[in-house]
Amino acid sequence: MTQSSSSSSPSRNAILGRIRKNLGRDSGPQDAPAEIVARLGNPPRNVIPARAQIPHDQQVNLFVKMAEDVNASVRRIDNNDAIVGEVSRYLAEHNQPAVVRLASDSFIAGLDWNKTTLEISTGIARPQDLVSVTPAFAGVAETGSLMLRSGPEQPYTLNMLPDTHIVVIRASQIVGTYEDVWGLQRQSQGRGTMPRTFLWVTGPSRTGDIEQTLQLGAHGPRRLHIILVDDAGNVTAEKAVDKPV
């Protein structure tokens, strides 16, 4: 026998009613104050750093510089076909396992992984998974940060459990500021719809809590490698060279 509960049960309504009364509101929860409705309808932008108000090709270059400054490595490639080879190259160069857990996102999982000798699987990361490959939703030039969204095709664990995290991002996904990313999110999923979690990633995981000594991998991956795909013909700078991590 199964039991079910109604979202409009008397006890729930009584609790919400007491909360509304304590807040001085007699209306239902759908009748939000006008100032809240106005703010949600037209979210104000925060302060925009001047260093990010530059042409897009310069934003891409700034993103690379800022990411490398926080111990990420970046490789700029010309097209999607080169992604698989770059993953193989990076893992071999850094003596990492040839066993990779992929996001089941169609962009990542749909690549021709048969061209490599890597052992590929998709889905939620397990404790024994040492390498993951995921897509990014956006990149922020002002700090070199990645914005990763969780969902059925990109489980949160892929971003946190493996020691080595490889993130693929297109040049067209790089914007100047954090505020620009929130605008992209509203365009992507519509107002009132959010992923279960957002994760802002700025370099590999680190801490300086122990004797003020920087330790990588304290709360997540100890290596972050970013594969930057030129999808708009705007990668004009010299190809970036990996920094050891």
Protein backbone atom coordinates (compact mmCIF):
# COMPACT_ATOMS: atom_id res chain seq x y z
CA MET A 1 0.00 0.00 0.00
CA THR A 2 1.33 3.41 -0.92
CA GLN A 3 0.58 6.74 0.66
CA SER A 4 0.47 10.09 -1.07
CA SER A 5 0.33 13.63 0.25
CA SER A 6 -1.29 16.64 -1.34
CA SER A 7 0.59 19.89 -1.77
CA SER A 8 -2.58 21.68 -0.59
CA SER A 9 -3.03 19.71 2.66
CA PRO A 10 -4.70 21.52 5.59
CA SER A 11 -1.56 21.35 7.75
CA ARG A 12 0.59 22.85 4.99
CA ASN A 13 -1.91 25.62 4.35
CA ALA A 14 -2.03 26.38 8.07
CA ILE A 15 1.75 26.68 8.29
CA LEU A 16 1.95 28.93 5.24
CA GLY A 17 -0.93 30.97 6.58
CA ARG A 18 0.92 31.62 9.84
CA ILE A 19 4.05 32.62 7.92
CA ARG A 20 2.05 35.08 5.78
CA LYS A 21 0.41 36.52 8.89
CA ASN A 22 3.78 37.05 10.61
CA LEU A 23 5.03 38.78 7.47
CA GLY A 24 1.98 41.02 7.45
CA ARG A 25 0.71 39.56 4.20
CA ASP A 26 -2.84 38.31 3.82
CA SER A 27 -2.59 37.42 0.14
CA GLY A 28 -1.58 34.08 -1.32
CA PRO A 29 2.05 33.21 -2.12
CA GLN A 30 1.48 33.92 -5.79
CA ASP A 31 0.79 37.60 -5.03
CA ALA A 32 4.32 38.82 -4.46
CA PRO A 33 4.94 42.51 -3.67
CA ALA A 34 5.14 44.70 -6.76
CA GLU A 35 8.78 45.62 -6.15
CA ILE A 36 9.77 41.93 -6.15
CA VAL A 37 7.84 41.27 -9.35
CA ALA A 38 9.50 44.29 -10.97
CA ARG A 39 12.99 43.21 -9.89
CA LEU A 40 12.48 39.66 -11.18
CA GLY A 41 11.07 40.99 -14.44
CA ASN A 42 14.02 43.29 -15.06
CA PRO A 43 16.99 42.19 -12.94
CA PRO A 44 19.43 45.04 -12.30
CA ARG A 45 23.04 44.51 -13.32
CA ASN A 46 25.85 44.79 -10.81
CA VAL A 47 29.07 46.73 -11.26
CA ILE A 48 30.80 45.73 -14.54
CA PRO A 49 34.64 45.72 -14.39
CA ALA A 50 36.20 47.89 -17.06
CA ARG A 51 38.78 45.23 -17.95
CA ALA A 52 36.04 42.98 -19.35
CA GLN A 53 34.48 45.69 -21.56
CA ILE A 54 36.62 44.87 -24.57
CA PRO A 55 36.05 43.26 -27.99
CA HIS A 56 35.20 39.58 -27.91
CA ASP A 57 38.50 38.31 -29.30
CA GLN A 58 40.26 40.19 -26.50
CA GLN A 59 37.83 38.71 -23.97
CA VAL A 60 38.86 35.25 -25.17
CA ASN A 61 42.54 36.11 -24.72
CA LEU A 62 41.84 37.57 -21.27
CA PHE A 63 39.95 34.43 -20.27
CA VAL A 64 42.96 32.28 -21.19
CA LYS A 65 45.38 34.52 -19.28
CA MET A 66 43.23 34.63 -16.15
CA ALA A 67 42.63 30.86 -16.21
CA GLU A 68 46.34 30.12 -16.53
CA ASP A 69 47.12 32.56 -13.72
CA VAL A 70 45.09 30.36 -11.34
CA ASN A 71 46.86 27.11 -12.30
CA ALA A 72 44.50 25.86 -15.00
CA SER A 73 46.00 24.74 -18.29
CA VAL A 74 44.44 25.81 -21.58
CA ARG A 75 44.78 24.42 -25.10
CA ARG A 76 43.22 26.30 -27.98
CA ILE A 77 42.13 24.18 -30.93
CA ASP A 78 40.55 24.98 -34.27
CA ASN A 79 37.50 22.70 -34.37
CA ASN A 80 35.49 20.01 -32.60
CA ASP A 81 37.29 17.22 -34.46
CA ALA A 82 40.47 17.99 -32.50
CA ILE A 83 38.88 17.59 -29.04
CA VAL A 84 39.33 13.83 -28.76
CA GLY A 85 42.98 13.98 -29.79
CA GLU A 86 43.63 16.79 -27.31
CA VAL A 87 42.15 14.76 -24.45
CA SER A 88 44.43 11.83 -25.36
CA ARG A 89 47.46 14.10 -25.68
CA TYR A 90 46.90 15.77 -22.34
CA LEU A 91 46.42 12.53 -20.43
CA ALA A 92 49.51 10.94 -22.00
CA GLU A 93 51.65 14.02 -21.38
CA HIS A 94 50.65 14.18 -17.72
CA ASN A 95 50.85 10.40 -17.18
CA GLN A 96 47.15 10.15 -16.37
CA PRO A 97 44.96 7.03 -16.73
CA ALA A 98 43.51 6.32 -20.18
CA VAL A 99 40.14 5.67 -18.53
CA VAL A 100 37.71 8.55 -18.90
CA ARG A 101 34.23 9.28 -17.59
CA LEU A 102 32.26 11.50 -19.97
CA ALA A 103 29.23 13.67 -19.53
CA SER A 104 26.44 12.12 -21.57
CA ASP A 105 25.80 15.56 -23.06
CA SER A 106 25.36 15.08 -26.82
CA PHE A 107 28.22 17.46 -27.63
CA ILE A 108 30.75 15.48 -25.58
CA ALA A 109 29.43 11.93 -25.87
CA GLY A 110 28.79 12.41 -29.59
CA LEU A 111 32.45 12.96 -30.44
CA ASP A 112 34.34 10.18 -32.25
CA TRP A 113 36.04 8.61 -29.23
CA ASN A 114 36.74 5.47 -31.29
CA LYS A 115 39.68 7.34 -32.80
CA THR A 116 41.55 6.86 -29.50
CA THR A 117 42.56 3.96 -27.28
CA LEU A 118 40.88 5.59 -24.29
CA GLU A 119 38.44 3.52 -22.26
CA ILE A 120 35.24 5.56 -22.30
CA SER A 121 32.10 5.48 -20.15
CA THR A 122 29.36 7.98 -19.33
CA GLY A 123 27.24 8.81 -16.32
CA ILE A 124 27.71 9.67 -12.67
CA ALA A 125 31.33 9.75 -11.51
CA ARG A 126 32.34 7.05 -9.06
CA PRO A 127 35.11 7.23 -6.45
CA GLN A 128 37.43 5.22 -8.69
CA ASP A 129 37.01 7.58 -11.68
CA LEU A 130 40.17 9.67 -11.99
CA VAL A 131 39.41 11.60 -15.19
CA SER A 132 36.24 13.33 -16.40
CA VAL A 133 35.37 15.33 -19.50
CA THR A 134 32.45 17.75 -19.40
CA PRO A 135 31.15 20.76 -21.32
CA ALA A 136 30.94 24.27 -19.88
CA PHE A 137 27.90 26.51 -20.06
CA ALA A 138 29.99 29.69 -20.19
CA GLY A 139 33.37 31.23 -19.43
CA VAL A 140 34.01 34.59 -17.76
CA ALA A 141 36.87 36.70 -19.09
CA GLU A 142 37.21 38.94 -16.03
CA THR A 143 38.34 36.05 -13.80
CA GLY A 144 39.03 33.09 -16.10
CA SER A 145 36.13 31.24 -14.47
CA LEU A 146 33.94 28.50 -15.89
CA MET A 147 30.25 28.18 -15.19
CA LEU A 148 29.08 24.57 -15.10
CA ARG A 149 25.44 23.52 -14.82
CA SER A 150 24.31 20.20 -13.41
CA GLY A 151 21.60 18.10 -14.98
CA PRO A 152 20.77 14.60 -16.19
CA GLU A 153 23.41 14.83 -18.93
CA GLN A 154 26.07 16.38 -16.69
CA PRO A 155 25.95 14.99 -13.14
CA TYR A 156 27.48 17.22 -10.49
CA THR A 157 29.88 14.46 -9.44
CA LEU A 158 31.76 14.70 -12.76
CA ASN A 159 32.87 18.19 -11.74
CA MET A 160 34.02 17.26 -8.25
CA LEU A 161 35.16 13.64 -7.78
CA PRO A 162 37.85 12.93 -10.44
CA ASP A 163 41.39 14.17 -9.81
CA THR A 164 41.63 15.44 -13.38
CA HIS A 165 38.79 17.49 -14.84
CA ILE A 166 38.86 18.35 -18.55
CA VAL A 167 36.34 20.99 -19.61
CA VAL A 168 35.44 21.79 -23.22
CA ILE A 169 34.25 25.30 -24.02
CA ARG A 170 33.65 27.13 -27.30
CA ALA A 171 35.07 30.60 -27.87
CA SER A 172 31.53 31.86 -28.48
CA GLN A 173 30.59 30.83 -24.92
CA ILE A 174 33.08 33.23 -23.36
CA VAL A 175 31.63 36.51 -22.13
CA GLY A 176 33.05 39.48 -20.30
CA THR A 177 31.45 39.31 -16.87
CA TYR A 178 29.43 37.26 -14.42
CA GLU A 179 26.41 39.43 -15.16
CA ASP A 180 26.60 38.38 -18.81
CA VAL A 181 26.41 34.72 -17.76
CA TRP A 182 23.18 35.27 -15.82
CA GLY A 183 21.76 36.90 -18.93
CA LEU A 184 22.70 33.83 -20.97
CA GLN A 185 21.05 31.59 -18.40
CA ARG A 186 17.78 33.51 -18.62
CA GLN A 187 17.88 33.28 -22.41
CA SER A 188 18.74 29.58 -22.30
CA GLN A 189 16.09 28.26 -19.92
CA GLY A 190 13.68 31.12 -19.44
CA ARG A 191 12.80 33.07 -16.34
CA GLY A 192 11.89 31.06 -13.28
CA THR A 193 13.75 27.95 -14.47
CA MET A 194 17.11 27.04 -12.97
CA PRO A 195 19.36 23.97 -13.00
CA ARG A 196 19.60 22.05 -9.75
CA THR A 197 23.07 23.52 -9.16
CA PHE A 198 25.50 25.97 -10.70
CA LEU A 199 29.22 25.55 -10.15
CA TRP A 200 31.66 28.40 -10.63
CA VAL A 201 35.14 26.99 -11.26
CA THR A 202 38.22 29.21 -11.15
CA GLY A 203 41.24 26.96 -11.51
CA PRO A 204 41.71 23.59 -9.80
CA SER A 205 40.53 23.08 -6.24
CA ARG A 206 42.87 24.61 -3.68
CA THR A 207 43.26 25.64 -0.06
CA GLY A 208 45.84 27.51 1.99
CA ASP A 209 44.31 26.66 5.36
CA ILE A 210 47.13 24.32 6.41
CA GLU A 211 50.15 26.38 7.51
CA GLN A 212 49.30 28.90 4.76
CA THR A 213 50.71 26.47 2.19
CA LEU A 214 48.79 26.17 -1.07
CA GLN A 215 47.45 22.65 -1.59
CA LEU A 216 45.75 21.65 -4.84
CA GLY A 217 42.88 19.16 -4.91
CA ALA A 218 41.62 19.88 -1.42
CA HIS A 219 37.90 19.97 -2.24
CA GLY A 220 37.78 18.77 -5.84
CA PRO A 221 40.01 18.11 -8.88
CA ARG A 222 43.70 18.87 -8.52
CA ARG A 223 44.04 19.40 -12.29
CA LEU A 224 41.83 21.53 -14.52
CA HIS A 225 42.49 21.42 -18.24
CA ILE A 226 40.40 23.65 -20.51
CA ILE A 227 40.01 22.81 -24.19
CA LEU A 228 38.99 26.01 -25.97
CA VAL A 229 37.43 25.44 -29.39
CA ASP A 230 37.47 28.25 -31.93
CA ASP A 231 33.93 28.07 -33.31
CA ALA A 232 33.87 31.60 -34.70
CA GLY A 233 37.23 32.05 -36.38
CA ASN A 234 38.34 34.44 -33.65
CA VAL A 235 41.25 32.58 -32.06
CA THR A 236 44.02 34.87 -33.25
CA ALA A 237 46.58 34.60 -30.50
CA GLU A 238 49.36 32.06 -30.44
CA LYS A 239 48.19 28.68 -29.25
CA ALA A 240 48.51 28.47 -25.49
CA VAL A 241 51.06 26.16 -23.93
CA ASP A 242 49.99 23.98 -21.00
CA LYS A 243 51.22 24.99 -17.57
CA PRO A 244 52.33 22.09 -15.38
CA VAL A 245 50.00 21.40 -12.46
